[in-house]
C-alpha atoms as a PDB file:
ATOM      1  CA  UNK A   1     -69.391 112.119   8.099  1.00  0.00           C
ATOM      2  CA  UNK A   2     -67.397 115.378   7.822  1.00  0.00           C
ATOM      3  CA  UNK A   3     -67.707 117.781  10.749  1.00  0.00           C
ATOM      4  CA  UNK A   4     -66.331 121.311  10.870  1.00  0.00           C
ATOM      5  CA  UNK A   5     -65.823 123.909  13.544  1.00  0.00           C
ATOM      6  CA  UNK A   6     -65.261 127.560  12.436  1.00  0.00           C
ATOM      7  CA  UNK A   7     -65.183 130.816  14.315  1.00  0.00           C
ATOM      8  CA  UNK A   8     -66.497 132.817  11.470  1.00  0.00           C
ATOM      9  CA  UNK A   9     -65.783 136.259  12.869  1.00  0.00           C
ATOM     10  CA  UNK A  10     -69.397 137.479  12.404  1.00  0.00           C
ATOM     11  CA  UNK A  11     -69.261 136.683   8.809  1.00  0.00           C
ATOM     12  CA  UNK A  12     -67.392 140.036   8.326  1.00  0.00           C
ATOM     13  CA  UNK A  13     -64.246 138.763   6.577  1.00  0.00           C
ATOM     14  CA  UNK A  14     -60.721 139.682   7.819  1.00  0.00           C
ATOM     15  CA  UNK A  15     -59.783 142.419   7.784  1.00  0.00           C
ATOM     16  CA  UNK A  16     -63.415 143.593   7.852  1.00  0.00           C
ATOM     17  CA  UNK A  17     -62.717 146.906   6.170  1.00  0.00           C
ATOM     18  CA  UNK A  18     -61.186 145.249   3.086  1.00  0.00           C
ATOM     19  CA  UNK A  19     -63.805 142.559   3.029  1.00  0.00           C
ATOM     20  CA  UNK A  20     -66.753 144.990   3.086  1.00  0.00           C
ATOM     21  CA  UNK A  21     -65.519 146.538  -0.204  1.00  0.00           C
ATOM     22  CA  UNK A  22     -66.253 143.265  -1.978  1.00  0.00           C
ATOM     23  CA  UNK A  23     -69.024 141.792   0.116  1.00  0.00           C
ATOM     24  CA  UNK A  24     -71.350 144.890   0.367  1.00  0.00           C
ATOM     25  CA  UNK A  25     -74.060 145.172   2.923  1.00  0.00           C
ATOM     26  CA  UNK A  26     -73.861 142.650   5.742  1.00  0.00           C
ATOM     27  CA  UNK A  27     -76.700 140.264   5.191  1.00  0.00           C
ATOM     28  CA  UNK A  28     -77.128 141.168   1.615  1.00  0.00           C
ATOM     29  CA  UNK A  29     -77.269 138.863  -1.301  1.00  0.00           C
ATOM     30  CA  UNK A  30     -73.576 139.177  -2.226  1.00  0.00           C
ATOM     31  CA  UNK A  31     -72.512 138.823   1.409  1.00  0.00           C
ATOM     32  CA  UNK A  32     -74.519 135.687   2.383  1.00  0.00           C
ATOM     33  CA  UNK A  33     -74.017 133.959  -1.020  1.00  0.00           C
ATOM     34  CA  UNK A  34     -70.201 134.390  -0.654  1.00  0.00           C
ATOM     35  CA  UNK A  35     -70.034 132.589   2.708  1.00  0.00           C
ATOM     36  CA  UNK A  36     -72.476 130.027   1.498  1.00  0.00           C
ATOM     37  CA  UNK A  37     -70.295 129.189  -1.414  1.00  0.00           C
ATOM     38  CA  UNK A  38     -67.245 129.164   0.783  1.00  0.00           C
ATOM     39  CA  UNK A  39     -68.716 126.593   3.116  1.00  0.00           C
ATOM     40  CA  UNK A  40     -70.415 124.549   0.331  1.00  0.00           C
ATOM     41  CA  UNK A  41     -67.078 124.076  -1.361  1.00  0.00           C
ATOM     42  CA  UNK A  42     -65.827 122.227   1.744  1.00  0.00           C
ATOM     43  CA  UNK A  43     -68.531 119.604   1.483  1.00  0.00           C
ATOM     44  CA  UNK A  44     -69.267 119.343   5.154  1.00  0.00           C
ATOM     45  CA  UNK A  45     -72.139 117.304   6.729  1.00  0.00           C
ATOM     46  CA  UNK A  46     -72.160 119.247  10.068  1.00  0.00           C
ATOM     47  CA  UNK A  47     -70.905 122.757  10.636  1.00  0.00           C
ATOM     48  CA  UNK A  48     -70.538 124.418  14.037  1.00  0.00           C
ATOM     49  CA  UNK A  49     -70.043 128.167  13.906  1.00  0.00           C
ATOM     50  CA  UNK A  50     -68.930 130.597  16.579  1.00  0.00           C
ATOM     51  CA  UNK A  51     -69.107 134.322  16.457  1.00  0.00           C
ATOM     52  CA  UNK A  52     -72.134 133.937  14.364  1.00  0.00           C
ATOM     53  CA  UNK A  53     -74.765 136.225  12.994  1.00  0.00           C
ATOM     54  CA  UNK A  54     -78.333 137.303  13.449  1.00  0.00           C
ATOM     55  CA  UNK A  55     -81.026 134.581  12.989  1.00  0.00           C
ATOM     56  CA  UNK A  56     -82.330 135.996   9.599  1.00  0.00           C
ATOM     57  CA  UNK A  57     -78.808 135.843   8.200  1.00  0.00           C
ATOM     58  CA  UNK A  58     -78.108 132.428   9.567  1.00  0.00           C
ATOM     59  CA  UNK A  59     -81.374 131.178   8.223  1.00  0.00           C
ATOM     60  CA  UNK A  60     -80.465 132.535   4.695  1.00  0.00           C
ATOM     61  CA  UNK A  61     -77.109 130.779   4.988  1.00  0.00           C
ATOM     62  CA  UNK A  62     -78.804 127.461   5.944  1.00  0.00           C
ATOM     63  CA  UNK A  63     -81.299 127.740   3.212  1.00  0.00           C
ATOM     64  CA  UNK A  64     -78.592 128.382   0.608  1.00  0.00           C
ATOM     65  CA  UNK A  65     -76.706 125.252   1.905  1.00  0.00           C
ATOM     66  CA  UNK A  66     -79.924 123.232   2.167  1.00  0.00           C
ATOM     67  CA  UNK A  67     -78.995 122.392   5.878  1.00  0.00           C
ATOM     68  CA  UNK A  68     -81.064 122.277   8.991  1.00  0.00           C
ATOM     69  CA  UNK A  69     -80.157 125.034  11.550  1.00  0.00           C
ATOM     70  CA  UNK A  70     -80.004 125.434  15.310  1.00  0.00           C
ATOM     71  CA  UNK A  71     -78.872 128.754  16.798  1.00  0.00           C
ATOM     72  CA  UNK A  72     -77.603 129.286  20.415  1.00  0.00           C
ATOM     73  CA  UNK A  73     -78.022 132.882  21.582  1.00  0.00           C
ATOM     74  CA  UNK A  74     -75.189 134.623  23.179  1.00  0.00           C
ATOM     75  CA  UNK A  75     -75.611 136.500  26.537  1.00  0.00           C
ATOM     76  CA  UNK A  76     -73.198 139.058  25.000  1.00  0.00           C
ATOM     77  CA  UNK A  77     -72.778 139.384  21.313  1.00  0.00           C
ATOM     78  CA  UNK A  78     -71.472 136.013  19.983  1.00  0.00           C
ATOM     79  CA  UNK A  79     -74.136 133.541  18.876  1.00  0.00           C
ATOM     80  CA  UNK A  80     -73.271 130.076  17.875  1.00  0.00           C
ATOM     81  CA  UNK A  81     -74.903 128.053  15.079  1.00  0.00           C
ATOM     82  CA  UNK A  82     -74.969 124.252  14.087  1.00  0.00           C
ATOM     83  CA  UNK A  83     -75.882 123.617  10.446  1.00  0.00           C
ATOM     84  CA  UNK A  84     -76.533 119.934   9.553  1.00  0.00           C
ATOM     85  CA  UNK A  85     -77.543 117.728   6.637  1.00  0.00           C
ATOM     86  CA  UNK A  86     -79.037 115.424   9.281  1.00  0.00           C
ATOM     87  CA  UNK A  87     -82.363 116.657  10.839  1.00  0.00           C
ATOM     88  CA  UNK A  88     -82.035 118.502  14.102  1.00  0.00           C
ATOM     89  CA  UNK A  89     -84.603 117.038  16.461  1.00  0.00           C
ATOM     90  CA  UNK A  90     -83.686 119.101  19.628  1.00  0.00           C
ATOM     91  CA  UNK A  91     -81.364 121.927  20.616  1.00  0.00           C
ATOM     92  CA  UNK A  92     -80.519 123.288  24.128  1.00  0.00           C
ATOM     93  CA  UNK A  93     -78.819 126.564  25.013  1.00  0.00           C
ATOM     94  CA  UNK A  94     -76.477 126.675  27.979  1.00  0.00           C
ATOM     95  CA  UNK A  95     -75.397 130.310  27.775  1.00  0.00           C
ATOM     96  CA  UNK A  96     -78.025 131.929  30.005  1.00  0.00           C
ATOM     97  CA  UNK A  97     -77.819 135.238  31.780  1.00  0.00           C
ATOM     98  CA  UNK A  98     -77.840 135.243  35.615  1.00  0.00           C
ATOM     99  CA  UNK A  99     -78.627 138.636  36.966  1.00  0.00           C
ATOM    100  CA  UNK A 100     -76.383 138.032  40.018  1.00  0.00           C
ATOM    101  CA  UNK A 101     -73.379 137.172  37.870  1.00  0.00           C
ATOM    102  CA  UNK A 102     -71.135 139.901  36.629  1.00  0.00           C
ATOM    103  CA  UNK A 103     -70.030 137.759  33.777  1.00  0.00           C
ATOM    104  CA  UNK A 104     -72.497 135.362  32.249  1.00  0.00           C
ATOM    105  CA  UNK A 105     -71.977 131.614  33.151  1.00  0.00           C
ATOM    106  CA  UNK A 106     -70.994 130.906  29.536  1.00  0.00           C
ATOM    107  CA  UNK A 107     -69.541 134.156  28.509  1.00  0.00           C
ATOM    108  CA  UNK A 108     -69.774 133.757  24.717  1.00  0.00           C
ATOM    109  CA  UNK A 109     -72.045 130.910  23.746  1.00  0.00           C
ATOM    110  CA  UNK A 110     -72.635 127.167  24.455  1.00  0.00           C
ATOM    111  CA  UNK A 111     -75.358 124.876  23.278  1.00  0.00           C
ATOM    112  CA  UNK A 112     -76.122 121.410  22.008  1.00  0.00           C
ATOM    113  CA  UNK A 113     -78.058 120.140  18.991  1.00  0.00           C
ATOM    114  CA  UNK A 114     -79.312 116.495  18.737  1.00  0.00           C
ATOM    115  CA  UNK A 115     -79.049 115.150  15.338  1.00  0.00           C
ATOM    116  CA  UNK A 116     -81.069 112.216  13.872  1.00  0.00           C
ATOM    117  CA  UNK A 117     -79.273 110.040  11.381  1.00  0.00           C
ATOM    118  CA  UNK A 118     -80.801 108.114   8.366  1.00  0.00           C
ATOM    119  CA  UNK A 119     -81.128 104.833  10.252  1.00  0.00           C
ATOM    120  CA  UNK A 120     -82.217 106.235  13.697  1.00  0.00           C
ATOM    121  CA  UNK A 121     -78.752 107.052  14.902  1.00  0.00           C
ATOM    122  CA  UNK A 122     -78.511 110.102  17.189  1.00  0.00           C
ATOM    123  CA  UNK A 123     -75.589 112.414  17.780  1.00  0.00           C
ATOM    124  CA  UNK A 124     -74.984 115.465  20.022  1.00  0.00           C
ATOM    125  CA  UNK A 125     -73.111 118.323  18.579  1.00  0.00           C
ATOM    126  CA  UNK A 126     -71.927 120.641  21.378  1.00  0.00           C
ATOM    127  CA  UNK A 127     -70.900 124.060  20.155  1.00  0.00           C
ATOM    128  CA  UNK A 128     -68.627 126.098  22.405  1.00  0.00           C
ATOM    129  CA  UNK A 129     -67.060 129.571  22.452  1.00  0.00           C
ATOM    130  CA  UNK A 130     -65.236 130.184  25.688  1.00  0.00           C
ATOM    131  CA  UNK A 131     -63.995 133.351  27.320  1.00  0.00           C
ATOM    132  CA  UNK A 132     -60.926 134.800  25.611  1.00  0.00           C
ATOM    133  CA  UNK A 133     -59.062 136.454  28.402  1.00  0.00           C
ATOM    134  CA  UNK A 134     -59.679 135.059  31.838  1.00  0.00           C
ATOM    135  CA  UNK A 135     -58.391 131.571  32.881  1.00  0.00           C
ATOM    136  CA  UNK A 136     -60.654 131.467  35.883  1.00  0.00           C
ATOM    137  CA  UNK A 137     -63.731 132.129  33.837  1.00  0.00           C
ATOM    138  CA  UNK A 138     -62.651 129.488  31.389  1.00  0.00           C
ATOM    139  CA  UNK A 139     -62.085 127.058  34.203  1.00  0.00           C
ATOM    140  CA  UNK A 140     -65.745 127.837  35.545  1.00  0.00           C
ATOM    141  CA  UNK A 141     -67.011 127.297  31.956  1.00  0.00           C
ATOM    142  CA  UNK A 142     -65.243 123.971  31.815  1.00  0.00           C
ATOM    143  CA  UNK A 143     -66.858 122.726  34.952  1.00  0.00           C
ATOM    144  CA  UNK A 144     -70.257 123.839  33.708  1.00  0.00           C
ATOM    145  CA  UNK A 145     -69.563 122.099  30.439  1.00  0.00           C
ATOM    146  CA  UNK A 146     -68.744 118.901  32.100  1.00  0.00           C
ATOM    147  CA  UNK A 147     -71.980 118.881  34.177  1.00  0.00           C
ATOM    148  CA  UNK A 148     -74.013 119.577  31.143  1.00  0.00           C
ATOM    149  CA  UNK A 149     -72.130 116.894  28.991  1.00  0.00           C
ATOM    150  CA  UNK A 150     -72.608 114.300  31.535  1.00  0.00           C
ATOM    151  CA  UNK A 151     -76.395 114.789  31.357  1.00  0.00           C
ATOM    152  CA  UNK A 152     -76.348 114.769  27.534  1.00  0.00           C
ATOM    153  CA  UNK A 153     -74.342 111.531  27.425  1.00  0.00           C
ATOM    154  CA  UNK A 154     -76.886 109.830  29.698  1.00  0.00           C
ATOM    155  CA  UNK A 155     -79.509 110.409  27.068  1.00  0.00           C
ATOM    156  CA  UNK A 156     -77.320 109.762  23.973  1.00  0.00           C
ATOM    157  CA  UNK A 157     -73.777 108.503  24.258  1.00  0.00           C
ATOM    158  CA  UNK A 158     -72.503 109.695  20.826  1.00  0.00           C
ATOM    159  CA  UNK A 159     -71.231 113.294  21.081  1.00  0.00           C
ATOM    160  CA  UNK A 160     -68.860 115.759  19.459  1.00  0.00           C
ATOM    161  CA  UNK A 161     -67.650 118.802  21.397  1.00  0.00           C
ATOM    162  CA  UNK A 162     -66.110 121.399  19.287  1.00  0.00           C
ATOM    163  CA  UNK A 163     -65.541 125.136  18.869  1.00  0.00           C
ATOM    164  CA  UNK A 164     -63.320 128.073  19.852  1.00  0.00           C
ATOM    165  CA  UNK A 165     -61.975 127.067  23.264  1.00  0.00           C
ATOM    166  CA  UNK A 166     -59.716 130.165  23.532  1.00  0.00           C
ATOM    167  CA  UNK A 167     -57.234 128.042  25.299  1.00  0.00           C
ATOM    168  CA  UNK A 168     -54.260 125.675  24.742  1.00  0.00           C
ATOM    169  CA  UNK A 169     -54.832 122.026  25.476  1.00  0.00           C
ATOM    170  CA  UNK A 170     -52.304 122.317  28.474  1.00  0.00           C
ATOM    171  CA  UNK A 171     -54.562 124.685  30.268  1.00  0.00           C
ATOM    172  CA  UNK A 172     -56.570 122.967  33.066  1.00  0.00           C
ATOM    173  CA  UNK A 173     -60.257 123.306  32.592  1.00  0.00           C
ATOM    174  CA  UNK A 174     -62.361 122.109  29.596  1.00  0.00           C
ATOM    175  CA  UNK A 175     -59.542 120.054  27.931  1.00  0.00           C
ATOM    176  CA  UNK A 176     -58.915 118.232  31.182  1.00  0.00           C
ATOM    177  CA  UNK A 177     -62.664 117.469  31.649  1.00  0.00           C
ATOM    178  CA  UNK A 178     -62.914 116.153  28.190  1.00  0.00           C
ATOM    179  CA  UNK A 179     -59.874 114.009  28.638  1.00  0.00           C
ATOM    180  CA  UNK A 180     -61.117 112.563  31.884  1.00  0.00           C
ATOM    181  CA  UNK A 181     -64.343 111.683  30.078  1.00  0.00           C
ATOM    182  CA  UNK A 182     -62.240 109.768  27.436  1.00  0.00           C
ATOM    183  CA  UNK A 183     -63.046 112.238  24.601  1.00  0.00           C
ATOM    184  CA  UNK A 184     -60.296 112.341  21.881  1.00  0.00           C
ATOM    185  CA  UNK A 185     -58.904 115.414  20.227  1.00  0.00           C
ATOM    186  CA  UNK A 186     -59.363 114.790  16.498  1.00  0.00           C
ATOM    187  CA  UNK A 187     -56.240 116.560  15.362  1.00  0.00           C
ATOM    188  CA  UNK A 188     -54.117 114.806  17.988  1.00  0.00           C
ATOM    189  CA  UNK A 189     -55.451 111.376  17.001  1.00  0.00           C
ATOM    190  CA  UNK A 190     -55.628 111.465  13.171  1.00  0.00           C
ATOM    191  CA  UNK A 191     -54.546 115.016  12.092  1.00  0.00           C
ATOM    192  CA  UNK A 192     -50.795 114.673  12.625  1.00  0.00           C
ATOM    193  CA  UNK A 193     -50.857 116.658  15.794  1.00  0.00           C
ATOM    194  CA  UNK A 194     -52.175 120.108  16.789  1.00  0.00           C
ATOM    195  CA  UNK A 195     -51.720 122.907  14.327  1.00  0.00           C
ATOM    196  CA  UNK A 196     -52.250 126.606  14.401  1.00  0.00           C
ATOM    197  CA  UNK A 197     -55.875 127.572  14.055  1.00  0.00           C
ATOM    198  CA  UNK A 198     -55.156 131.397  14.099  1.00  0.00           C
ATOM    199  CA  UNK A 199     -52.514 131.878  11.406  1.00  0.00           C
ATOM    200  CA  UNK A 200     -53.008 134.669   8.949  1.00  0.00           C
ATOM    201  CA  UNK A 201     -51.429 137.981   8.368  1.00  0.00           C
ATOM    202  CA  UNK A 202     -52.061 140.518  10.976  1.00  0.00           C
ATOM    203  CA  UNK A 203     -52.963 138.382  13.962  1.00  0.00           C
ATOM    204  CA  UNK A 204     -51.235 136.488  16.769  1.00  0.00           C
ATOM    205  CA  UNK A 205     -50.759 132.788  16.283  1.00  0.00           C
ATOM    206  CA  UNK A 206     -52.815 130.384  18.493  1.00  0.00           C
ATOM    207  CA  UNK A 207     -53.927 126.801  18.689  1.00  0.00           C
ATOM    208  CA  UNK A 208     -57.478 127.330  20.196  1.00  0.00           C
ATOM    209  CA  UNK A 209     -60.076 125.703  17.880  1.00  0.00           C
ATOM    210  CA  UNK A 210     -60.796 122.033  18.537  1.00  0.00           C
ATOM    211  CA  UNK A 211     -62.903 118.962  17.832  1.00  0.00           C
ATOM    212  CA  UNK A 212     -63.315 116.364  20.392  1.00  0.00           C
ATOM    213  CA  UNK A 213     -65.259 113.013  19.943  1.00  0.00           C
ATOM    214  CA  UNK A 214     -66.798 110.800  22.574  1.00  0.00           C
ATOM    215  CA  UNK A 215     -64.954 107.439  23.297  1.00  0.00           C
ATOM    216  CA  UNK A 216     -67.390 105.491  21.294  1.00  0.00           C
ATOM    217  CA  UNK A 217     -66.654 107.463  18.136  1.00  0.00           C
ATOM    218  CA  UNK A 218     -62.773 107.495  18.626  1.00  0.00           C
ATOM    219  CA  UNK A 219     -62.258 104.394  16.437  1.00  0.00           C
ATOM    220  CA  UNK A 220     -64.510 105.879  13.734  1.00  0.00           C
ATOM    221  CA  UNK A 221     -62.074 108.836  13.186  1.00  0.00           C
ATOM    222  CA  UNK A 222     -60.482 108.778   9.778  1.00  0.00           C
ATOM    223  CA  UNK A 223     -58.890 112.148   9.270  1.00  0.00           C
ATOM    224  CA  UNK A 224     -58.622 115.685  10.542  1.00  0.00           C
ATOM    225  CA  UNK A 225     -57.085 118.932   9.290  1.00  0.00           C
ATOM    226  CA  UNK A 226     -56.877 122.582   9.647  1.00  0.00           C
ATOM    227  CA  UNK A 227     -57.905 124.055   6.423  1.00  0.00           C
ATOM    228  CA  UNK A 228     -55.336 126.537   5.022  1.00  0.00           C
ATOM    229  CA  UNK A 229     -56.578 126.881   1.563  1.00  0.00           C
ATOM    230  CA  UNK A 230     -56.582 130.239  -0.330  1.00  0.00           C
ATOM    231  CA  UNK A 231     -59.419 132.396   0.946  1.00  0.00           C
ATOM    232  CA  UNK A 232     -58.947 131.243   4.583  1.00  0.00           C
ATOM    233  CA  UNK A 233     -55.495 132.658   5.277  1.00  0.00           C
ATOM    234  CA  UNK A 234     -52.808 134.940   3.837  1.00  0.00           C
ATOM    235  CA  UNK A 235     -49.068 134.999   4.306  1.00  0.00           C
ATOM    236  CA  UNK A 236     -47.649 138.311   5.599  1.00  0.00           C
ATOM    237  CA  UNK A 237     -47.210 140.987   4.405  1.00  0.00           C
ATOM    238  CA  UNK A 238     -50.864 141.054   3.326  1.00  0.00           C
ATOM    239  CA  UNK A 239     -51.388 142.586  -0.043  1.00  0.00           C
ATOM    240  CA  UNK A 240     -53.583 145.507  -0.111  1.00  0.00           C
ATOM    241  CA  UNK A 241     -57.229 144.635  -0.548  1.00  0.00           C
ATOM    242  CA  UNK A 242     -56.615 141.021   0.304  1.00  0.00           C
ATOM    243  CA  UNK A 243     -59.011 139.449   2.950  1.00  0.00           C
ATOM    244  CA  UNK A 244     -59.812 136.091   4.436  1.00  0.00           C
ATOM    245  CA  UNK A 245     -63.114 134.468   5.346  1.00  0.00           C
ATOM    246  CA  UNK A 246     -62.282 134.996   9.101  1.00  0.00           C
ATOM    247  CA  UNK A 247     -59.383 135.596  11.523  1.00  0.00           C
ATOM    248  CA  UNK A 248     -59.609 131.879  12.548  1.00  0.00           C
ATOM    249  CA  UNK A 249     -59.054 128.796  10.345  1.00  0.00           C
ATOM    250  CA  UNK A 250     -61.641 126.005  10.139  1.00  0.00           C
ATOM    251  CA  UNK A 251     -60.975 122.604  11.592  1.00  0.00           C
ATOM    252  CA  UNK A 252     -62.435 119.553   9.864  1.00  0.00           C
ATOM    253  CA  UNK A 253     -62.778 115.974  11.215  1.00  0.00           C
ATOM    254  CA  UNK A 254     -63.866 112.975   9.121  1.00  0.00           C
ATOM    255  CA  UNK A 255     -65.643 109.888  10.737  1.00  0.00           C
ATOM    256  CA  UNK A 256     -66.481 106.637   9.156  1.00  0.00           C
ATOM    257  CA  UNK A 257     -69.872 106.641  11.085  1.00  0.00           C
ATOM    258  CA  UNK A 258     -72.537 105.579  11.345  1.00  0.00           C
END
């Protein structure tokens, strides 16, 4: 099973101005087909996207990929999506709006999709996009995630938590909670160590996109990598008109499971 997390930057391309010249209208045939082809070439079984798109565009993407789709609305402007070759039998959204909270409890998006395998296996895919600028908000999001995750694991013990954490692994909060629950960072375990996941001309370098697997999946990890192929990143200085699929890089993990 090959699993991918990707902050797809609203499917704009990066820089958006350069990409629009080639992609045309957002949501148009050329635009959606380009991203479908880009993702199809990676041959992934489960894709978790952050900074996603409207539901009609996401549905068109899923149809082109022949994948099941769950969308997690954002209380702001950053929906998440899970696309899966396995059927999705349930999905839950955690990123609700509380009228008494100045910042939504999950500021960008958070949700879980329950997948059904070919022999009855079940797997939670938990898609996260945490706050980019406030450590205290991210810490609160980490606490909330733990409470939600403990409930999910009581129903199905197999889970993958992945997405744009907007934080280094050393930061207290979500990473600490996952470690205390014995989740394993795929890149640390089988990817040769953490690597930059924001690393293209014109942006600051960060390691903020991660894939964690539950303890019962750790021994099934085979490989993990940050995808740095052409079309996903560009060395500086950026040639005129050159654009990438996003300002983030995709992270992929392979499991020999089920």
